[in-house]
Amino acid sequence: MRCFTAIVLPEATRRMLARLGGASVRQSKAVRWNTQDKLHITLKFLGQVADEHLPAVCDAVRAASSDIAPFSVRLAGLGCFPAPRNPRVLWCGIEDPAEGCARWVAAAEPLLADLGFKPEARAYTPHITLARSKSGAGNSILHRVLEDTAAPPAEELMVRQVVLFESRLDRSGACYMPIATTRLGGT
């Protein structure tokens, strides 16, 4: 099964982010917009996890979470990958003043590497993926959204847990199923 770890956002935050860009832009087939239920802050994408390795992965997530106290993050405007002139991914940034996300990733990487999961080569940048372009026309739409859409309010969010998800692919895209939820700092 395909798995990743993430921070689940409050429903009101997901609802607000799901409306960004406007309904007319969201109807374009050149862009795949994440629905409200798919909005989260990814901490670590694991990829394929064999069923027999799942208990060890859960233990690693639990161990990484045990030393990280609950922390707050804040929504921090819109951005894109790879560049504003040619955006393929539209995201909402996350300010992490206590570096809680980065500390969790730093704690989890060696534990997961011991289980055979490759450490991420790039520096961790917390964000919420809102949309992905499927074509050059989609890139233009995302560029227009970046120029015309007001940044979401700098809402502060309290992070108290990390969730291990399974990502199931079907004709309509990915469906995220929670496997295990772990509280931070033993709270």
Protein backbone atom coordinates (compact mmCIF):
# COMPACT_ATOMS: atom_id res chain seq x y z
CA MET A 1 0.00 0.00 0.00
CA ARG A 2 1.12 3.61 -0.65
CA CYS A 3 1.54 5.56 2.59
CA PHE A 4 2.44 9.00 3.91
CA THR A 5 2.41 10.86 7.21
CA ALA A 6 0.58 14.15 7.56
CA ILE A 7 -1.00 16.78 9.74
CA VAL A 8 -4.77 16.91 9.35
CA LEU A 9 -6.21 20.42 9.06
CA PRO A 10 -9.35 21.62 10.85
CA GLU A 11 -12.48 21.26 8.75
CA ALA A 12 -13.11 25.03 8.58
CA THR A 13 -9.57 25.60 7.25
CA ARG A 14 -9.97 22.88 4.63
CA ARG A 15 -13.34 24.32 3.57
CA MET A 16 -11.86 27.82 3.17
CA LEU A 17 -8.83 26.56 1.20
CA ALA A 18 -11.03 24.41 -1.05
CA ARG A 19 -12.84 27.56 -2.24
CA LEU A 20 -9.70 29.46 -3.32
CA GLY A 21 -9.48 30.34 -7.00
CA GLY A 22 -13.23 30.49 -7.57
CA ALA A 23 -15.69 27.99 -8.97
CA SER A 24 -15.18 28.89 -12.65
CA VAL A 25 -11.43 28.26 -12.47
CA ARG A 26 -11.97 25.03 -10.56
CA GLN A 27 -14.05 23.58 -13.41
CA SER A 28 -11.11 23.49 -15.82
CA LYS A 29 -10.04 20.00 -16.84
CA ALA A 30 -6.46 21.26 -17.28
CA VAL A 31 -5.98 21.44 -13.49
CA ARG A 32 -6.65 18.82 -10.83
CA TRP A 33 -7.86 20.61 -7.68
CA ASN A 34 -7.59 18.83 -4.36
CA THR A 35 -10.96 18.42 -2.74
CA GLN A 36 -11.50 19.48 0.85
CA ASP A 37 -10.97 15.95 2.20
CA LYS A 38 -7.49 15.77 0.59
CA LEU A 39 -6.03 18.97 2.06
CA HIS A 40 -3.30 18.29 4.63
CA ILE A 41 0.34 19.08 5.46
CA THR A 42 2.49 16.16 4.32
CA LEU A 43 5.36 15.36 6.65
CA LYS A 44 6.83 12.31 4.90
CA PHE A 45 5.81 10.43 1.78
CA LEU A 46 6.78 6.78 2.25
CA GLY A 47 5.59 5.21 -0.98
CA GLN A 48 4.94 1.47 -0.96
CA VAL A 49 4.73 -0.17 2.47
CA ALA A 50 4.36 -3.95 2.69
CA ASP A 51 1.65 -5.12 5.08
CA GLU A 52 4.20 -6.94 7.22
CA HIS A 53 6.19 -3.69 7.68
CA LEU A 54 3.19 -1.61 8.75
CA PRO A 55 3.57 -2.28 12.53
CA ALA A 56 7.22 -1.15 12.40
CA VAL A 57 6.25 1.99 10.46
CA CYS A 58 3.57 2.77 13.07
CA ASP A 59 6.18 2.29 15.81
CA ALA A 60 8.57 4.68 14.03
CA VAL A 61 5.84 7.33 13.65
CA ARG A 62 4.96 6.92 17.32
CA ALA A 63 8.62 7.19 18.39
CA ALA A 64 9.22 10.31 16.26
CA SER A 65 6.09 11.91 17.70
CA SER A 66 6.86 11.13 21.34
CA ASP A 67 9.64 13.73 21.69
CA ILE A 68 7.88 16.54 19.80
CA ALA A 69 5.58 18.70 21.92
CA PRO A 70 2.40 20.07 20.33
CA PHE A 71 3.17 23.19 18.30
CA SER A 72 1.41 25.81 16.21
CA VAL A 73 1.74 26.60 12.52
CA ARG A 74 0.21 29.40 10.48
CA LEU A 75 -1.13 29.66 6.92
CA ALA A 76 1.30 31.79 4.93
CA GLY A 77 0.08 32.82 1.49
CA LEU A 78 0.02 31.10 -1.87
CA GLY A 79 2.96 29.84 -3.88
CA CYS A 80 3.88 27.31 -6.52
CA PHE A 81 6.42 24.78 -7.72
CA PRO A 82 8.65 25.03 -9.68
CA ALA A 83 8.40 28.75 -10.56
CA PRO A 84 5.67 31.46 -10.80
CA ARG A 85 6.16 31.82 -14.59
CA ASN A 86 5.43 28.13 -15.12
CA PRO A 87 3.57 26.77 -12.09
CA ARG A 88 2.73 23.08 -12.04
CA VAL A 89 1.72 22.85 -8.36
CA LEU A 90 -0.24 25.51 -6.46
CA TRP A 91 0.18 25.47 -2.68
CA CYS A 92 -0.63 27.33 0.50
CA GLY A 93 2.50 28.00 2.51
CA ILE A 94 2.95 27.14 6.17
CA GLU A 95 4.91 29.20 8.66
CA ASP A 96 6.36 26.93 11.31
CA PRO A 97 7.90 29.30 13.89
CA ALA A 98 8.74 26.55 16.41
CA GLU A 99 9.99 24.32 13.54
CA GLY A 100 7.72 21.56 14.81
CA CYS A 101 7.18 20.08 11.34
CA ALA A 102 10.91 20.13 10.56
CA ARG A 103 11.77 18.65 13.98
CA TRP A 104 9.26 15.82 13.44
CA VAL A 105 10.73 15.07 10.00
CA ALA A 106 14.28 15.14 11.43
CA ALA A 107 13.23 12.71 14.18
CA ALA A 108 11.39 10.39 11.78
CA GLU A 109 13.94 10.23 8.92
CA PRO A 110 16.53 8.00 10.67
CA LEU A 111 13.85 5.74 12.16
CA LEU A 112 12.24 5.26 8.75
CA ALA A 113 15.63 4.93 7.02
CA ASP A 114 16.34 1.99 9.35
CA LEU A 115 13.22 0.39 7.87
CA GLY A 116 14.45 0.92 4.29
CA PHE A 117 12.70 4.20 3.41
CA LYS A 118 14.94 6.57 1.51
CA PRO A 119 15.59 9.90 3.27
CA GLU A 120 14.39 12.98 1.39
CA ALA A 121 17.26 14.70 -0.42
CA ARG A 122 15.54 18.11 -0.51
CA ALA A 123 15.05 20.36 2.50
CA TYR A 124 11.62 19.97 4.06
CA THR A 125 9.21 22.82 3.23
CA PRO A 126 5.78 22.54 4.87
CA HIS A 127 2.89 23.39 2.56
CA ILE A 128 -0.63 22.35 1.59
CA THR A 129 -0.98 21.24 -2.04
CA LEU A 130 -4.09 22.86 -3.51
CA ALA A 131 -3.88 21.99 -7.22
CA ARG A 132 -1.72 20.37 -9.92
CA SER A 133 -1.53 21.34 -13.57
CA LYS A 134 -2.11 18.66 -16.18
CA SER A 135 -0.88 20.73 -19.16
CA GLY A 136 0.43 24.06 -20.41
CA ALA A 137 -3.14 25.38 -20.24
CA GLY A 138 -3.24 24.30 -16.60
CA ASN A 139 0.01 26.14 -15.92
CA SER A 140 -1.60 29.33 -17.28
CA ILE A 141 -4.63 28.84 -15.04
CA LEU A 142 -2.44 28.35 -11.97
CA HIS A 143 -0.41 31.44 -12.91
CA ARG A 144 -3.64 33.46 -13.13
CA VAL A 145 -4.84 32.10 -9.76
CA LEU A 146 -1.54 33.15 -8.17
CA GLU A 147 -1.91 36.67 -9.58
CA ASP A 148 -5.62 37.15 -8.89
CA THR A 149 -6.33 35.29 -5.65
CA ALA A 150 -5.95 36.94 -2.29
CA ALA A 151 -3.84 35.01 0.18
CA PRO A 152 -5.83 33.10 2.78
CA PRO A 153 -5.92 34.65 6.26
CA ALA A 154 -2.82 33.89 8.34
CA GLU A 155 -4.77 31.48 10.50
CA GLU A 156 -2.92 29.82 13.37
CA LEU A 157 -3.40 26.06 13.72
CA MET A 158 -2.45 23.94 16.73
CA VAL A 159 -0.80 20.62 15.82
CA ARG A 160 -1.37 17.88 18.38
CA GLN A 161 -1.12 14.70 16.30
CA VAL A 162 0.34 13.05 13.23
CA VAL A 163 -1.62 10.64 11.03
CA LEU A 164 -0.28 7.76 8.94
CA PHE A 165 -2.41 7.51 5.79
CA GLU A 166 -2.84 4.99 3.03
CA SER A 167 -3.27 6.56 -0.40
CA ARG A 168 -5.49 4.41 -2.62
CA LEU A 169 -5.60 5.27 -6.31
CA ASP A 170 -8.70 4.81 -8.42
CA ARG A 171 -10.27 6.39 -11.53
CA SER A 172 -11.23 9.57 -9.68
CA GLY A 173 -7.75 10.07 -8.13
CA ALA A 174 -6.38 9.30 -4.70
CA CYS A 175 -8.44 8.47 -1.64
CA TYR A 176 -6.74 8.92 1.73
CA MET A 177 -7.53 6.42 4.45
CA PRO A 178 -6.16 6.97 7.99
CA ILE A 179 -4.25 3.95 9.31
CA ALA A 180 -2.97 5.26 12.65
CA THR A 181 -3.11 8.51 14.60
CA THR A 182 -0.33 9.38 17.04
CA ARG A 183 -0.44 12.22 19.56
CA LEU A 184 2.59 14.47 19.85
CA GLY A 185 4.65 14.46 23.03
CA GLY A 186 2.55 11.77 24.61
CA THR A 187 -0.37 14.21 25.05
